[in-house]
């Protein structure tokens, strides 16, 4: 994925303290995809827009949302 403009990166980095280091990578992907995805924002559409629709371990991205406290 190409780097985001600075104003989008600033918005996404504001959420970094809410995640542990291991899950931040997946959360960053979800947040970036949510900004870029038109229409309904599902995990599948986020993965599609970010070019990771063929990712074998997509379940890890779903776990980020399921483990939210």
Protein backbone atom coordinates (compact mmCIF):
# COMPACT_ATOMS: atom_id res chain seq x y z
CA UNK A 1 0.00 0.00 0.00
CA UNK A 2 1.33 3.47 -0.77
CA UNK A 3 2.03 5.78 2.16
CA UNK A 4 -0.83 7.96 3.33
CA UNK A 5 -0.82 11.74 3.32
CA UNK A 6 0.35 13.29 6.59
CA UNK A 7 -3.13 14.35 7.74
CA UNK A 8 -4.46 10.77 7.44
CA UNK A 9 -1.38 9.35 9.14
CA UNK A 10 -1.89 11.77 12.03
CA UNK A 11 -5.47 10.62 12.48
CA UNK A 12 -4.50 6.96 12.45
CA UNK A 13 -1.57 7.45 14.85
CA UNK A 14 -3.97 8.92 17.40
CA UNK A 15 -5.37 5.39 17.86
CA UNK A 16 -1.97 3.73 18.41
CA UNK A 17 -2.03 3.88 22.25
CA UNK A 18 -5.26 1.85 22.26
CA UNK A 19 -3.57 -1.26 20.83
CA UNK A 20 -0.71 -3.51 21.88
CA UNK A 21 2.24 -3.55 19.52
CA UNK A 22 1.38 -6.92 17.92
CA UNK A 23 -2.15 -5.93 17.01
CA UNK A 24 -1.33 -2.37 15.93
CA UNK A 25 -0.19 -3.53 12.50
CA UNK A 26 -3.59 -5.12 11.81
CA UNK A 27 -5.49 -2.23 13.37
CA UNK A 28 -3.59 0.23 11.20
CA UNK A 29 -4.60 -1.76 8.13
CA UNK A 30 -8.25 -1.67 9.23
CA UNK A 31 -8.21 2.05 9.94
CA UNK A 32 -6.51 2.87 6.66
CA UNK A 33 -8.91 0.69 4.74
CA UNK A 34 -11.92 2.21 6.52
CA UNK A 35 -10.83 5.66 5.36
CA UNK A 36 -10.34 4.49 1.78
CA UNK A 37 -13.34 2.15 1.43
CA UNK A 38 -16.44 3.60 -0.20
CA UNK A 39 -19.88 2.36 0.81
CA UNK A 40 -20.34 -0.36 3.40
CA UNK A 41 -17.20 -0.87 5.47
CA UNK A 42 -16.82 -4.56 6.22
CA UNK A 43 -13.55 -6.31 6.99
CA UNK A 44 -13.75 -8.02 3.59
CA UNK A 45 -14.17 -4.70 1.77
CA UNK A 46 -11.30 -3.17 3.76
CA UNK A 47 -9.02 -6.07 2.82
CA UNK A 48 -10.13 -5.76 -0.80
CA UNK A 49 -9.38 -2.02 -1.02
CA UNK A 50 -5.97 -2.44 0.63
CA UNK A 51 -4.99 -5.26 -1.73
CA UNK A 52 -4.94 -7.97 0.90
CA UNK A 53 -8.00 -9.93 -0.11
CA UNK A 54 -5.87 -13.05 -0.75
CA UNK A 55 -4.16 -12.89 2.65
CA UNK A 56 -4.06 -16.36 4.17
CA UNK A 57 -4.33 -15.25 7.77
CA UNK A 58 -7.20 -12.80 7.45
CA UNK A 59 -8.62 -14.21 10.68
CA UNK A 60 -5.99 -12.17 12.55
CA UNK A 61 -7.62 -9.00 11.24
CA UNK A 62 -11.03 -10.18 12.50
CA UNK A 63 -9.57 -10.90 15.95
CA UNK A 64 -8.67 -7.24 16.37
CA UNK A 65 -12.36 -6.38 16.34
CA UNK A 66 -13.51 -9.39 18.38
CA UNK A 67 -11.13 -8.79 21.27
CA UNK A 68 -12.09 -5.18 21.85
CA UNK A 69 -12.90 -4.54 25.48
